Amino acid sequence: MYIVLDVESDGPSPANRSMVCFGAVLVNDQTKTFYGETRPISDEFEPSALAISGFSREEHEEFDDPKIVMENFEKWILEVSVGKPTFISDNPAFDWQWINFYFHKYLGRNPFGFSARRIGDLYCGMMNDAGKNADWKRKYRKTKHTHNPIQDCLGNAEALISFRDELGLKIKY
């Protein structure tokens, strides 16, 4: 089961910053979504990074306990998944590090395991051109990229469905 994820944070790394919010969408049933907002776990933050999420520091401080959010997210993953869930995103180098860190910090495990897939790399492979890693966004996303994690996940899921239906990608959702 492919689950598209997107994370917004208040800095570049969970080592000394905090996840602000994240979204997840089940690719084969885009009505199944999860959205989480986590309060800061660090006093450090970068205002410009936080601004991308659209939240103020004061709003961020009022978000939910990260442990509860991650427990609820794991429950959701287990409810919507048949077999092992596969983490896929526009930028797993960024998104996965946050989700993995928070899962391990608060639950001691990550239901996605230790790997993730990158949508742009799939597209590059289908095009036989490693330089095409951003073209798919313009061609196959229907939902606008807004930095709202659910909206961004929906657009990415739409692209994956198009890769299968229009480009012949052999993938089981």
N, C-alpha and C. Protein backbone atom coordinates (compact mmCIF):
# COMPACT_ATOMS: atom_id res chain seq x y z
N MET A 1 0.84 -1.18 0.00
CA MET A 1 0.00 0.00 0.00
C MET A 1 0.89 1.24 0.00
N TYR A 2 0.68 2.09 -0.97
CA TYR A 2 1.44 3.33 -1.07
C TYR A 2 0.69 4.43 -0.34
N ILE A 3 1.41 5.10 0.55
CA ILE A 3 0.88 6.24 1.28
C ILE A 3 1.78 7.42 0.97
N VAL A 4 1.18 8.48 0.40
CA VAL A 4 1.92 9.70 0.09
C VAL A 4 1.96 10.56 1.35
N LEU A 5 3.14 11.08 1.65
CA LEU A 5 3.31 11.93 2.82
C LEU A 5 3.92 13.27 2.46
N ASP A 6 3.61 14.27 3.28
CA ASP A 6 4.22 15.59 3.15
C ASP A 6 4.34 16.19 4.54
N VAL A 7 5.48 16.79 4.83
CA VAL A 7 5.77 17.35 6.15
C VAL A 7 6.10 18.83 6.00
N GLU A 8 5.62 19.61 6.96
CA GLU A 8 6.05 21.00 7.11
C GLU A 8 6.73 21.10 8.48
N SER A 9 7.82 21.84 8.54
CA SER A 9 8.59 21.93 9.78
C SER A 9 9.02 23.38 10.02
N ASP A 10 9.67 23.57 11.17
CA ASP A 10 10.16 24.92 11.48
C ASP A 10 11.69 25.01 11.32
N GLY A 11 12.24 24.08 10.56
CA GLY A 11 13.68 24.09 10.29
C GLY A 11 14.08 22.90 9.44
N PRO A 12 15.37 22.74 9.18
CA PRO A 12 15.82 21.72 8.24
C PRO A 12 16.00 20.31 8.80
N SER A 13 16.05 20.16 10.12
CA SER A 13 16.40 18.85 10.68
C SER A 13 15.72 18.61 12.02
N PRO A 14 15.25 17.38 12.25
CA PRO A 14 14.65 17.07 13.55
C PRO A 14 15.68 17.01 14.69
N ALA A 15 16.96 17.13 14.38
CA ALA A 15 17.97 17.12 15.43
C ALA A 15 17.80 18.29 16.40
N ASN A 16 17.33 19.43 15.88
CA ASN A 16 17.20 20.60 16.75
C ASN A 16 16.05 21.52 16.37
N ARG A 17 15.11 21.01 15.60
CA ARG A 17 13.93 21.77 15.23
C ARG A 17 12.70 20.89 15.43
N SER A 18 11.54 21.35 14.97
CA SER A 18 10.29 20.62 15.22
C SER A 18 9.46 20.46 13.95
N MET A 19 8.75 19.36 13.90
CA MET A 19 7.76 19.17 12.85
C MET A 19 6.55 20.02 13.24
N VAL A 20 5.97 20.68 12.27
CA VAL A 20 4.80 21.52 12.52
C VAL A 20 3.53 20.72 12.22
N CYS A 21 3.45 20.20 11.01
CA CYS A 21 2.28 19.43 10.61
C CYS A 21 2.67 18.49 9.48
N PHE A 22 1.81 17.51 9.24
CA PHE A 22 2.05 16.58 8.15
C PHE A 22 0.73 16.01 7.67
N GLY A 23 0.76 15.54 6.45
CA GLY A 23 -0.41 14.92 5.87
C GLY A 23 -0.03 13.61 5.23
N ALA A 24 -1.03 12.74 5.12
CA ALA A 24 -0.85 11.45 4.47
C ALA A 24 -2.12 11.12 3.69
N VAL A 25 -1.93 10.53 2.51
CA VAL A 25 -3.05 10.15 1.66
C VAL A 25 -2.78 8.75 1.12
N LEU A 26 -3.77 7.89 1.23
CA LEU A 26 -3.69 6.56 0.65
C LEU A 26 -3.87 6.70 -0.85
N VAL A 27 -2.90 6.26 -1.63
CA VAL A 27 -2.94 6.50 -3.08
C VAL A 27 -4.16 5.86 -3.73
N ASN A 28 -4.49 4.65 -3.35
CA ASN A 28 -5.59 3.96 -4.04
C ASN A 28 -6.97 4.37 -3.54
N ASP A 29 -7.06 5.18 -2.52
CA ASP A 29 -8.34 5.71 -2.05
C ASP A 29 -8.07 7.07 -1.42
N GLN A 30 -8.09 8.09 -2.23
CA GLN A 30 -7.69 9.42 -1.79
C GLN A 30 -8.67 10.08 -0.83
N THR A 31 -9.76 9.38 -0.51
CA THR A 31 -10.65 9.88 0.54
C THR A 31 -10.09 9.52 1.91
N LYS A 32 -9.12 8.63 1.95
CA LYS A 32 -8.50 8.23 3.22
C LYS A 32 -7.26 9.08 3.44
N THR A 33 -7.40 10.01 4.36
CA THR A 33 -6.33 10.95 4.65
C THR A 33 -6.08 11.01 6.15
N PHE A 34 -4.89 11.50 6.49
CA PHE A 34 -4.56 11.76 7.88
C PHE A 34 -3.83 13.10 7.92
N TYR A 35 -4.19 13.90 8.90
CA TYR A 35 -3.53 15.19 9.10
C TYR A 35 -3.16 15.30 10.56
N GLY A 36 -1.92 15.67 10.83
CA GLY A 36 -1.46 15.84 12.21
C GLY A 36 -0.74 17.16 12.39
N GLU A 37 -0.97 17.78 13.52
CA GLU A 37 -0.26 18.98 13.93
C GLU A 37 0.43 18.67 15.25
N THR A 38 1.74 18.90 15.33
CA THR A 38 2.49 18.56 16.53
C THR A 38 3.11 19.81 17.14
N ARG A 39 2.96 19.94 18.45
CA ARG A 39 3.56 21.11 19.10
C ARG A 39 5.09 20.97 19.09
N PRO A 40 5.79 22.08 19.26
CA PRO A 40 7.25 22.07 19.19
C PRO A 40 7.89 21.15 20.24
N ILE A 41 9.00 20.54 19.84
CA ILE A 41 9.80 19.74 20.77
C ILE A 41 11.16 20.39 21.00
N SER A 42 11.36 21.54 20.38
CA SER A 42 12.61 22.29 20.53
C SER A 42 12.27 23.76 20.70
N ASP A 43 13.08 24.45 21.48
CA ASP A 43 12.91 25.89 21.62
C ASP A 43 13.44 26.65 20.41
N GLU A 44 14.27 25.96 19.62
CA GLU A 44 14.85 26.58 18.43
C GLU A 44 13.90 26.44 17.25
N PHE A 45 13.82 27.48 16.43
CA PHE A 45 13.06 27.41 15.19
C PHE A 45 13.52 28.53 14.27
N GLU A 46 13.28 28.33 13.00
CA GLU A 46 13.63 29.33 12.00
C GLU A 46 12.33 29.98 11.52
N PRO A 47 12.12 31.25 11.80
CA PRO A 47 10.88 31.92 11.42
C PRO A 47 10.52 31.75 9.94
N SER A 48 11.52 31.81 9.06
CA SER A 48 11.22 31.68 7.63
C SER A 48 10.73 30.27 7.29
N ALA A 49 11.27 29.26 7.94
CA ALA A 49 10.80 27.88 7.70
C ALA A 49 9.39 27.70 8.26
N LEU A 50 9.15 28.21 9.45
CA LEU A 50 7.82 28.11 10.06
C LEU A 50 6.79 28.83 9.22
N ALA A 51 7.16 29.96 8.63
CA ALA A 51 6.23 30.75 7.83
C ALA A 51 5.69 29.96 6.64
N ILE A 52 6.47 29.04 6.10
CA ILE A 52 6.01 28.24 4.96
C ILE A 52 4.76 27.45 5.33
N SER A 53 4.67 27.02 6.58
CA SER A 53 3.50 26.24 7.03
C SER A 53 2.25 27.10 7.17
N GLY A 54 2.43 28.41 7.29
CA GLY A 54 1.29 29.31 7.46
C GLY A 54 0.89 29.50 8.91
N PHE A 55 1.65 28.93 9.84
CA PHE A 55 1.34 29.05 11.26
C PHE A 55 2.35 29.95 11.96
N SER A 56 1.89 30.62 13.01
CA SER A 56 2.78 31.40 13.86
C SER A 56 3.37 30.49 14.94
N ARG A 57 4.40 30.94 15.59
CA ARG A 57 4.98 30.16 16.70
C ARG A 57 3.94 29.97 17.81
N GLU A 58 3.15 30.97 18.06
CA GLU A 58 2.13 30.87 19.11
C GLU A 58 1.10 29.79 18.75
N GLU A 59 0.68 29.75 17.50
CA GLU A 59 -0.25 28.70 17.07
C GLU A 59 0.40 27.31 17.18
N HIS A 60 1.65 27.23 16.73
CA HIS A 60 2.38 25.96 16.76
C HIS A 60 2.47 25.43 18.20
N GLU A 61 2.70 26.30 19.15
CA GLU A 61 2.82 25.88 20.55
C GLU A 61 1.51 25.31 21.11
N GLU A 62 0.39 25.59 20.46
CA GLU A 62 -0.90 25.09 20.91
C GLU A 62 -1.29 23.75 20.27
N PHE A 63 -0.47 23.23 19.36
CA PHE A 63 -0.79 21.98 18.68
C PHE A 63 -0.71 20.80 19.65
N ASP A 64 -1.07 19.64 19.15
CA ASP A 64 -1.19 18.44 19.98
C ASP A 64 0.16 17.85 20.38
N ASP A 65 0.11 17.07 21.44
CA ASP A 65 1.26 16.33 21.93
C ASP A 65 1.75 15.39 20.81
N PRO A 66 3.02 15.47 20.42
CA PRO A 66 3.51 14.63 19.33
C PRO A 66 3.32 13.13 19.56
N LYS A 67 3.42 12.67 20.78
CA LYS A 67 3.24 11.24 21.06
C LYS A 67 1.83 10.79 20.68
N ILE A 68 0.84 11.58 21.06
CA ILE A 68 -0.55 11.23 20.74
C ILE A 68 -0.77 11.28 19.23
N VAL A 69 -0.21 12.29 18.57
CA VAL A 69 -0.37 12.40 17.12
C VAL A 69 0.25 11.18 16.43
N MET A 70 1.45 10.80 16.85
CA MET A 70 2.12 9.67 16.20
C MET A 70 1.41 8.35 16.51
N GLU A 71 0.86 8.20 17.71
CA GLU A 71 0.06 7.01 18.01
C GLU A 71 -1.16 6.94 17.10
N ASN A 72 -1.84 8.07 16.94
CA ASN A 72 -3.02 8.11 16.06
C ASN A 72 -2.65 7.86 14.61
N PHE A 73 -1.50 8.38 14.19
CA PHE A 73 -1.06 8.17 12.82
C PHE A 73 -0.75 6.68 12.59
N GLU A 74 -0.08 6.06 13.51
CA GLU A 74 0.20 4.62 13.35
C GLU A 74 -1.10 3.82 13.28
N LYS A 75 -2.07 4.14 14.12
CA LYS A 75 -3.37 3.46 14.07
C LYS A 75 -4.01 3.62 12.69
N TRP A 76 -3.98 4.84 12.16
CA TRP A 76 -4.53 5.10 10.84
C TRP A 76 -3.82 4.26 9.78
N ILE A 77 -2.49 4.26 9.80
CA ILE A 77 -1.71 3.48 8.83
C ILE A 77 -2.14 2.02 8.88
N LEU A 78 -2.24 1.46 10.07
CA LEU A 78 -2.60 0.05 10.21
C LEU A 78 -4.04 -0.22 9.76
N GLU A 79 -4.92 0.75 9.93
CA GLU A 79 -6.31 0.60 9.49
C GLU A 79 -6.45 0.62 7.96
N VAL A 80 -5.68 1.47 7.29
CA VAL A 80 -5.85 1.63 5.84
C VAL A 80 -4.95 0.72 5.01
N SER A 81 -3.96 0.13 5.64
CA SER A 81 -2.97 -0.67 4.89
C SER A 81 -3.36 -2.13 4.82
N VAL A 82 -3.11 -2.69 3.65
CA VAL A 82 -3.16 -4.13 3.47
C VAL A 82 -1.72 -4.52 3.16
N GLY A 83 -1.10 -5.27 4.04
CA GLY A 83 0.32 -5.54 3.87
C GLY A 83 1.15 -4.40 4.39
N LYS A 84 2.44 -4.42 4.05
CA LYS A 84 3.36 -3.40 4.53
C LYS A 84 3.13 -2.07 3.81
N PRO A 85 2.97 -1.00 4.55
CA PRO A 85 2.80 0.30 3.92
C PRO A 85 4.11 0.79 3.31
N THR A 86 4.00 1.50 2.19
CA THR A 86 5.18 2.07 1.53
C THR A 86 5.07 3.59 1.58
N PHE A 87 6.08 4.20 2.13
CA PHE A 87 6.18 5.65 2.24
C PHE A 87 6.65 6.18 0.88
N ILE A 88 5.91 7.13 0.33
CA ILE A 88 6.31 7.76 -0.92
C ILE A 88 6.02 9.25 -0.83
N SER A 89 6.94 10.05 -1.34
CA SER A 89 6.73 11.50 -1.30
C SER A 89 7.51 12.19 -2.40
N ASP A 90 7.26 13.48 -2.51
CA ASP A 90 7.98 14.32 -3.45
C ASP A 90 9.45 14.40 -3.03
N ASN A 91 9.70 14.45 -1.73
CA ASN A 91 11.06 14.60 -1.22
C ASN A 91 11.24 13.78 0.06
N PRO A 92 11.40 12.46 -0.07
CA PRO A 92 11.53 11.65 1.14
C PRO A 92 12.80 11.95 1.95
N ALA A 93 13.83 12.52 1.31
CA ALA A 93 15.02 12.88 2.08
C ALA A 93 14.64 13.86 3.19
N PHE A 94 13.67 14.69 2.93
CA PHE A 94 13.17 15.63 3.94
C PHE A 94 12.03 15.01 4.74
N ASP A 95 10.97 14.60 4.08
CA ASP A 95 9.76 14.14 4.76
C ASP A 95 10.00 12.91 5.63
N TRP A 96 10.73 11.93 5.09
CA TRP A 96 10.93 10.68 5.83
C TRP A 96 11.74 10.91 7.10
N GLN A 97 12.74 11.81 7.05
CA GLN A 97 13.56 12.01 8.24
C GLN A 97 12.70 12.47 9.42
N TRP A 98 11.72 13.32 9.15
CA TRP A 98 10.86 13.82 10.22
C TRP A 98 9.94 12.73 10.75
N ILE A 99 9.26 12.04 9.83
CA ILE A 99 8.33 10.99 10.26
C ILE A 99 9.07 9.88 10.98
N ASN A 100 10.21 9.46 10.44
CA ASN A 100 10.99 8.40 11.08
C ASN A 100 11.45 8.82 12.47
N PHE A 101 11.98 10.03 12.59
CA PHE A 101 12.44 10.53 13.89
C PHE A 101 11.30 10.55 14.91
N TYR A 102 10.16 11.10 14.53
CA TYR A 102 9.04 11.21 15.47
C TYR A 102 8.49 9.83 15.83
N PHE A 103 8.38 8.93 14.86
CA PHE A 103 7.93 7.58 15.20
C PHE A 103 8.88 6.93 16.20
N HIS A 104 10.17 7.01 15.95
CA HIS A 104 11.12 6.36 16.86
C HIS A 104 11.22 7.06 18.20
N LYS A 105 11.14 8.37 18.21
CA LYS A 105 11.20 9.11 19.47
C LYS A 105 10.00 8.79 20.36
N TYR A 106 8.82 8.70 19.77
CA TYR A 106 7.61 8.55 20.58
C TYR A 106 7.04 7.15 20.64
N LEU A 107 7.31 6.31 19.66
CA LEU A 107 6.77 4.95 19.67
C LEU A 107 7.84 3.87 19.66
N GLY A 108 9.07 4.25 19.35
CA GLY A 108 10.15 3.27 19.30
C GLY A 108 10.14 2.40 18.05
N ARG A 109 9.37 2.79 17.06
CA ARG A 109 9.25 2.01 15.82
C ARG A 109 8.67 2.90 14.72
N ASN A 110 8.86 2.43 13.48
CA ASN A 110 8.30 3.14 12.33
C ASN A 110 7.59 2.11 11.47
N PRO A 111 6.27 2.18 11.33
CA PRO A 111 5.54 1.18 10.55
C PRO A 111 5.93 1.15 9.07
N PHE A 112 6.60 2.19 8.59
CA PHE A 112 7.07 2.20 7.21
C PHE A 112 8.41 1.48 7.05
N GLY A 113 9.07 1.19 8.15
CA GLY A 113 10.38 0.58 8.05
C GLY A 113 11.45 1.62 7.79
N PHE A 114 12.47 1.21 7.03
CA PHE A 114 13.65 2.06 6.88
C PHE A 114 13.89 2.53 5.45
N SER A 115 12.83 2.63 4.67
CA SER A 115 13.02 3.11 3.30
C SER A 115 11.81 3.90 2.84
N ALA A 116 12.01 4.60 1.73
CA ALA A 116 10.95 5.41 1.15
C ALA A 116 11.20 5.51 -0.35
N ARG A 117 10.17 5.90 -1.07
CA ARG A 117 10.25 6.07 -2.53
C ARG A 117 10.08 7.54 -2.86
N ARG A 118 10.75 7.96 -3.93
CA ARG A 118 10.65 9.35 -4.39
C ARG A 118 9.91 9.38 -5.72
N ILE A 119 8.86 10.18 -5.77
CA ILE A 119 8.01 10.26 -6.96
C ILE A 119 8.82 10.73 -8.18
N GLY A 120 9.63 11.74 -8.01
CA GLY A 120 10.42 12.25 -9.12
C GLY A 120 11.36 11.21 -9.71
N ASP A 121 11.91 10.34 -8.87
CA ASP A 121 12.80 9.29 -9.37
C ASP A 121 12.03 8.27 -10.21
N LEU A 122 10.81 7.94 -9.79
CA LEU A 122 9.99 7.04 -10.61
C LEU A 122 9.78 7.64 -11.99
N TYR A 123 9.44 8.91 -12.01
CA TYR A 123 9.18 9.59 -13.28
C TYR A 123 10.45 9.63 -14.14
N CYS A 124 11.58 9.97 -13.55
CA CYS A 124 12.83 10.00 -14.30
C CYS A 124 13.12 8.65 -14.93
N GLY A 125 12.89 7.59 -14.19
CA GLY A 125 13.10 6.25 -14.73
C GLY A 125 12.19 5.96 -15.91
N MET A 126 10.94 6.35 -15.80
CA MET A 126 10.01 6.12 -16.90
C MET A 126 10.39 6.94 -18.13
N MET A 127 11.00 8.10 -17.94
CA MET A 127 11.38 8.98 -19.05
C MET A 127 12.81 8.70 -19.53
N ASN A 128 13.52 7.82 -18.84
CA ASN A 128 14.93 7.55 -19.16
C ASN A 128 15.76 8.83 -19.17
N ASP A 129 15.48 9.71 -18.22
CA ASP A 129 16.18 10.99 -18.18
C ASP A 129 16.19 11.50 -16.73
N ALA A 130 17.35 11.42 -16.09
CA ALA A 130 17.46 11.84 -14.69
C ALA A 130 17.25 13.34 -14.50
N GLY A 131 17.24 14.10 -15.56
CA GLY A 131 17.03 15.53 -15.46
C GLY A 131 15.58 15.96 -15.45
N LYS A 132 14.66 15.02 -15.55
CA LYS A 132 13.23 15.34 -15.63
C LYS A 132 12.54 15.26 -14.26
N ASN A 133 13.29 15.38 -13.19
CA ASN A 133 12.73 15.11 -11.86
C ASN A 133 11.66 16.09 -11.40
N ALA A 134 11.46 17.21 -12.07
CA ALA A 134 10.39 18.14 -11.68
C ALA A 134 9.27 18.25 -12.71
N ASP A 135 9.48 17.71 -13.90
CA ASP A 135 8.47 17.83 -14.97
C ASP A 135 7.12 17.25 -14.58
N TRP A 136 7.13 16.17 -13.83
CA TRP A 136 5.88 15.48 -13.48
C TRP A 136 4.94 16.39 -12.70
N LYS A 137 5.48 17.31 -11.94
CA LYS A 137 4.63 18.19 -11.13
C LYS A 137 3.74 19.06 -12.01
N ARG A 138 4.31 19.58 -13.08
CA ARG A 138 3.54 20.43 -13.99
C ARG A 138 2.58 19.61 -14.84
N LYS A 139 2.99 18.42 -15.22
CA LYS A 139 2.21 17.62 -16.16
C LYS A 139 1.11 16.78 -15.52
N TYR A 140 1.32 16.30 -14.30
CA TYR A 140 0.41 15.27 -13.77
C TYR A 140 -0.28 15.61 -12.46
N ARG A 141 0.10 16.67 -11.81
CA ARG A 141 -0.61 17.10 -10.60
C ARG A 141 -1.83 17.89 -11.03
N LYS A 142 -2.96 17.63 -10.41
CA LYS A 142 -4.16 18.43 -10.65
C LYS A 142 -4.36 19.41 -9.50
N THR A 143 -4.16 18.95 -8.30
CA THR A 143 -4.30 19.78 -7.11
C THR A 143 -3.05 20.66 -6.97
N LYS A 144 -3.26 21.94 -6.80
CA LYS A 144 -2.16 22.90 -6.71
C LYS A 144 -1.30 22.65 -5.48
N HIS A 145 0.00 22.84 -5.62
CA HIS A 145 0.94 22.74 -4.50
C HIS A 145 0.83 24.01 -3.66
N THR A 146 0.40 23.87 -2.40
CA THR A 146 0.13 25.03 -1.55
C THR A 146 0.89 25.01 -0.23
N HIS A 147 1.60 23.96 0.07
CA HIS A 147 2.23 23.72 1.38
C HIS A 147 1.21 23.33 2.44
N ASN A 148 -0.03 23.10 2.04
CA ASN A 148 -0.98 22.42 2.92
C ASN A 148 -0.68 20.94 2.70
N PRO A 149 -0.27 20.21 3.75
CA PRO A 149 0.17 18.83 3.55
C PRO A 149 -0.85 17.91 2.88
N ILE A 150 -2.11 18.04 3.18
CA ILE A 150 -3.10 17.18 2.55
C ILE A 150 -3.24 17.53 1.07
N GLN A 151 -3.30 18.82 0.76
CA GLN A 151 -3.40 19.24 -0.64
C GLN A 151 -2.18 18.77 -1.43
N ASP A 152 -1.01 18.91 -0.84
CA ASP A 152 0.21 18.49 -1.54
C ASP A 152 0.24 16.98 -1.74
N CYS A 153 -0.23 16.23 -0.75
CA CYS A 153 -0.31 14.76 -0.89
C CYS A 153 -1.32 14.36 -1.96
N LEU A 154 -2.45 15.04 -2.00
CA LEU A 154 -3.44 14.73 -3.03
C LEU A 154 -2.88 14.95 -4.43
N GLY A 155 -2.18 16.05 -4.64
CA GLY A 155 -1.57 16.31 -5.93
C GLY A 155 -0.55 15.24 -6.30
N ASN A 156 0.22 14.80 -5.33
CA ASN A 156 1.22 13.76 -5.59
C ASN A 156 0.56 12.42 -5.87
N ALA A 157 -0.51 12.10 -5.17
CA ALA A 157 -1.25 10.86 -5.43
C ALA A 157 -1.86 10.89 -6.82
N GLU A 158 -2.39 12.04 -7.22
CA GLU A 158 -2.94 12.18 -8.58
C GLU A 158 -1.88 11.88 -9.63
N ALA A 159 -0.68 12.39 -9.40
CA ALA A 159 0.41 12.15 -10.34
C ALA A 159 0.74 10.66 -10.41
N LEU A 160 0.80 10.00 -9.27
CA LEU A 160 1.10 8.56 -9.28
C LEU A 160 0.05 7.76 -10.04
N ILE A 161 -1.20 8.11 -9.85
CA ILE A 161 -2.28 7.44 -10.59
C ILE A 161 -2.10 7.67 -12.09
N SER A 162 -1.73 8.90 -12.47
CA SER A 162 -1.49 9.20 -13.88
C SER A 162 -0.29 8.42 -14.42
N PHE A 163 0.73 8.26 -13.61
CA PHE A 163 1.89 7.46 -14.06
C PHE A 163 1.43 6.05 -14.44
N ARG A 164 0.54 5.51 -13.64
CA ARG A 164 0.03 4.16 -13.92
C ARG A 164 -0.90 4.18 -15.13
N ASP A 165 -1.89 5.05 -15.10
CA ASP A 165 -2.94 5.04 -16.12
C ASP A 165 -2.50 5.59 -17.48
N GLU A 166 -1.66 6.61 -17.48
CA GLU A 166 -1.27 7.25 -18.73
C GLU A 166 0.11 6.83 -19.23
N LEU A 167 1.00 6.48 -18.31
CA LEU A 167 2.37 6.17 -18.71
C LEU A 167 2.71 4.69 -18.59
N GLY A 168 1.80 3.91 -18.02
CA GLY A 168 2.00 2.47 -17.94
C GLY A 168 2.89 1.99 -16.81
N LEU A 169 3.08 2.80 -15.78
CA LEU A 169 3.87 2.35 -14.64
C LEU A 169 3.23 1.12 -14.02
N LYS A 170 4.01 0.09 -13.84
CA LYS A 170 3.51 -1.13 -13.19
C LYS A 170 3.73 -0.95 -11.70
N ILE A 171 2.64 -0.66 -11.00
CA ILE A 171 2.69 -0.40 -9.57
C ILE A 171 1.37 -0.85 -8.97
N LYS A 172 1.45 -1.48 -7.83
CA LYS A 172 0.23 -1.91 -7.11
C LYS A 172 0.00 -0.96 -5.96
N TYR A 173 -1.16 -0.30 -6.00
CA TYR A 173 -1.50 0.62 -4.92
C TYR A 173 -2.26 -0.13 -3.86
